[in-house]
Amino acid sequence: MQNQAIIYVIATFVGTSFLWLICVHFLKTKLDKLKNTHNNLSQNIDKEIIVRGNQSVDFLNQEIIRLKTEMSEVKQERYMDGYKAAKSEFFLNVTPYYEEYKDGNDGFLVNDIYHRVHVGYKYQLYINNLPILEPTVRWEKIIEERKKEVDHKKIKSALELIQDNLLPIVAQSNGILKLIPIK
């Protein structure tokens, strides 16, 4: 009976050990699977964080580019608004101009009258449509004649020549110069 009890104890011990060995092996396998799953999930989470981070960075970069473009457009609009406002605040009024000087007197026998005509243009600065300073005259041509009457055709042709010379300058001034044509 003792032998049987020893065999029974040994068999119980071996059986229990075998069951524990199977249980430990099963738990170890399950633990390895959980570790692999954990590592895979951890890597997937890292990848997802990187992908979402890159998406966020891409979105933020696009937003920065959009805001810079918008800021540039707003700056350009404000510049043009200021330019137009400043442009409308002042201008230089230019007009062809002449002055006639007469000297001498009409004698009975001798005519010592002579005419001198200065032909040029007059310009004046205006700010908010109000004249500022006195007009300035620039003479381009002087016509002298010794007659009772001056030849107005010469004066008109000289004024037209000055006006024709001023037209391209006024056209390039972007509205700062305003030409008042001769009548």
Protein backbone atom coordinates (compact mmCIF):
# COMPACT_ATOMS: atom_id res chain seq x y z
CA MET A 1 0.00 0.00 0.00
CA GLN A 2 2.85 2.20 0.55
CA ASN A 3 4.03 1.59 -2.91
CA GLN A 4 0.68 2.40 -4.22
CA ALA A 5 0.54 5.59 -2.20
CA ILE A 6 4.00 6.61 -3.42
CA ILE A 7 3.00 5.84 -7.00
CA TYR A 8 -0.20 7.70 -6.49
CA VAL A 9 1.65 10.74 -5.07
CA ILE A 10 4.25 10.57 -7.84
CA ALA A 11 1.55 10.15 -10.49
CA THR A 12 -0.35 13.07 -9.01
CA PHE A 13 2.83 15.12 -8.86
CA VAL A 14 3.80 14.23 -12.47
CA GLY A 15 0.24 14.81 -13.70
CA THR A 16 0.00 18.13 -11.92
CA SER A 17 3.45 19.13 -13.17
CA PHE A 18 2.47 18.12 -16.68
CA LEU A 19 -0.75 20.13 -16.43
CA TRP A 20 1.22 23.08 -15.07
CA LEU A 21 3.71 22.70 -17.91
CA ILE A 22 0.88 22.72 -20.46
CA CYS A 23 -0.71 25.66 -18.68
CA VAL A 24 2.61 27.57 -18.55
CA HIS A 25 3.27 26.77 -22.22
CA PHE A 26 -0.25 27.94 -23.13
CA LEU A 27 0.16 31.13 -21.07
CA LYS A 28 3.63 31.74 -22.53
CA THR A 29 2.24 31.34 -26.06
CA LYS A 30 -0.63 33.66 -25.23
CA LEU A 31 1.83 36.15 -23.69
CA ASP A 32 4.00 36.03 -26.83
CA LYS A 33 0.93 36.64 -28.99
CA LEU A 34 -0.11 39.55 -26.77
CA LYS A 35 3.43 40.99 -26.94
CA ASN A 36 3.39 40.71 -30.74
CA THR A 37 -0.07 42.28 -30.88
CA HIS A 38 1.10 45.01 -28.51
CA ASN A 39 4.21 45.68 -30.61
CA ASN A 40 2.12 45.74 -33.80
CA LEU A 41 -0.40 48.09 -32.22
CA SER A 42 2.41 50.26 -30.87
CA GLN A 43 4.01 50.42 -34.33
CA ASN A 44 0.63 51.12 -35.93
CA ILE A 45 -0.03 53.86 -33.40
CA ASP A 46 3.42 55.35 -34.09
CA LYS A 47 2.75 55.19 -37.83
CA GLU A 48 -0.71 56.68 -37.35
CA ILE A 49 0.76 59.48 -35.22
CA ILE A 50 3.37 60.15 -37.91
CA VAL A 51 0.75 60.08 -40.69
CA ARG A 52 -1.65 62.31 -38.79
CA GLY A 53 1.22 64.57 -37.77
CA ASN A 54 2.30 64.84 -41.41
CA GLN A 55 -1.29 65.51 -42.42
CA SER A 56 -1.50 68.21 -39.77
CA VAL A 57 1.81 69.69 -40.91
CA ASP A 58 0.64 69.59 -44.54
CA PHE A 59 -2.64 71.22 -43.57
CA LEU A 60 -0.83 73.87 -41.53
CA ASN A 61 1.64 74.51 -44.39
CA GLN A 62 -1.26 74.92 -46.81
CA GLU A 63 -2.97 77.23 -44.35
CA ILE A 64 0.24 79.27 -43.97
CA ILE A 65 0.58 79.54 -47.76
CA ARG A 66 -3.08 80.57 -48.06
CA LEU A 67 -2.69 83.19 -45.32
CA LYS A 68 0.51 84.55 -46.87
CA THR A 69 -1.22 84.80 -50.24
CA GLU A 70 -4.21 86.47 -48.66
CA MET A 71 -1.94 88.85 -46.76
CA SER A 72 -0.09 89.70 -49.97
CA GLU A 73 -3.38 90.37 -51.76
CA VAL A 74 -4.61 92.54 -48.89
CA LYS A 75 -1.31 94.46 -48.88
CA GLN A 76 -1.61 95.02 -52.63
CA GLU A 77 -5.23 96.18 -52.26
CA ARG A 78 -4.31 98.57 -49.44
CA TYR A 79 -1.35 99.88 -51.43
CA MET A 80 -3.58 100.49 -54.47
CA ASP A 81 -6.23 102.16 -52.26
CA GLY A 82 -3.56 104.43 -50.79
CA TYR A 83 -2.05 105.06 -54.20
CA LYS A 84 -5.44 106.02 -55.65
CA ALA A 85 -6.23 108.23 -52.67
CA ALA A 86 -2.85 109.93 -52.85
CA LYS A 87 -3.10 110.21 -56.60
CA SER A 88 -6.47 111.91 -56.33
CA GLU A 89 -5.19 114.25 -53.63
CA PHE A 90 -2.69 116.07 -55.80
CA PHE A 91 -2.06 116.81 -59.45
CA LEU A 92 -0.15 119.29 -61.57
CA ASN A 93 -2.33 121.37 -63.86
CA VAL A 94 -0.48 122.17 -67.12
CA THR A 95 -1.75 124.50 -69.84
CA PRO A 96 -0.14 126.10 -72.90
CA TYR A 97 0.30 129.82 -72.25
CA TYR A 98 1.52 132.99 -73.89
CA GLU A 99 2.10 136.62 -72.95
CA GLU A 100 2.29 139.47 -75.39
CA TYR A 101 4.49 142.52 -74.84
CA LYS A 102 4.11 145.64 -76.96
CA ASP A 103 6.57 148.49 -76.99
CA GLY A 104 7.02 151.68 -78.97
CA ASN A 105 4.42 153.90 -80.49
CA ASP A 106 2.81 154.28 -83.83
CA GLY A 107 4.47 157.36 -85.23
CA PHE A 108 3.08 159.37 -88.10
CA LEU A 109 6.06 158.80 -90.36
CA VAL A 110 8.08 156.09 -88.63
CA ASN A 111 6.59 152.92 -87.18
CA ASP A 112 8.72 151.88 -84.20
CA ILE A 113 6.20 149.45 -82.70
CA TYR A 114 7.40 145.94 -82.03
CA HIS A 115 5.69 142.98 -80.47
CA ARG A 116 7.33 140.32 -78.41
CA VAL A 117 5.32 137.18 -77.61
CA HIS A 118 6.59 134.62 -75.09
CA VAL A 119 5.08 131.19 -75.73
CA GLY A 120 5.32 128.30 -73.28
CA TYR A 121 3.25 126.59 -70.66
CA LYS A 122 2.01 127.35 -67.18
CA TYR A 123 1.75 124.74 -64.44
CA GLN A 124 0.35 124.82 -60.92
CA LEU A 125 0.14 122.28 -58.11
CA TYR A 126 -3.32 121.37 -56.81
CA ILE A 127 -3.99 119.41 -53.63
CA ASN A 128 -7.56 118.24 -53.06
CA ASN A 129 -8.56 120.40 -56.05
CA LEU A 130 -7.24 123.54 -54.35
CA PRO A 131 -4.41 125.49 -55.97
CA ILE A 132 -1.23 125.49 -53.93
CA LEU A 133 1.49 128.07 -54.58
CA GLU A 134 1.49 130.45 -57.50
CA PRO A 135 1.47 129.12 -61.06
CA THR A 136 4.88 128.79 -62.67
CA VAL A 137 5.47 129.73 -66.30
CA ARG A 138 8.10 128.12 -68.50
CA TRP A 139 8.85 129.84 -71.80
CA GLU A 140 9.70 127.66 -74.78
CA LYS A 141 9.72 130.16 -77.64
CA ILE A 142 9.89 133.93 -78.20
CA ILE A 143 8.29 135.50 -81.27
CA GLU A 144 9.28 139.08 -82.18
CA GLU A 145 7.65 141.20 -84.88
CA ARG A 146 7.78 144.83 -85.94
CA LYS A 147 4.18 145.35 -86.98
CA LYS A 148 1.11 146.99 -85.61
CA GLU A 149 -0.54 143.61 -85.15
CA VAL A 150 1.11 140.34 -84.19
CA ASP A 151 0.52 137.26 -86.35
CA HIS A 152 -1.82 135.12 -84.20
CA LYS A 153 -1.34 132.12 -86.49
CA LYS A 154 2.31 131.93 -85.37
CA ILE A 155 1.24 132.07 -81.74
CA LYS A 156 -1.41 129.40 -82.23
CA SER A 157 1.00 127.07 -84.07
CA ALA A 158 3.62 127.55 -81.31
CA LEU A 159 1.00 126.77 -78.64
CA GLU A 160 -0.12 123.66 -80.55
CA LEU A 161 3.50 122.50 -80.86
CA ILE A 162 3.98 122.89 -77.10
CA GLN A 163 0.71 121.05 -76.46
CA ASP A 164 1.79 118.21 -78.78
CA ASN A 165 5.10 117.96 -76.90
CA LEU A 166 3.28 117.83 -73.55
CA LEU A 167 0.78 115.11 -74.53
CA PRO A 168 3.20 112.12 -74.24
CA ILE A 169 4.54 113.43 -70.93
CA VAL A 170 1.02 113.78 -69.53
CA ALA A 171 0.10 110.29 -70.80
CA GLN A 172 3.04 108.74 -68.91
CA SER A 173 2.32 110.58 -65.65
CA ASN A 174 -0.47 108.18 -64.56
CA GLY A 175 -2.89 111.01 -63.89
CA ILE A 176 -0.55 113.22 -61.87
CA LEU A 177 -0.31 115.74 -64.72
CA LYS A 178 -3.52 117.15 -66.16
CA LEU A 179 -3.33 119.06 -69.42
CA ILE A 180 -5.85 121.77 -70.18
CA PRO A 181 -5.84 122.07 -73.97
CA ILE A 182 -5.79 125.37 -75.82
CA LYS A 183 -9.11 126.68 -76.98
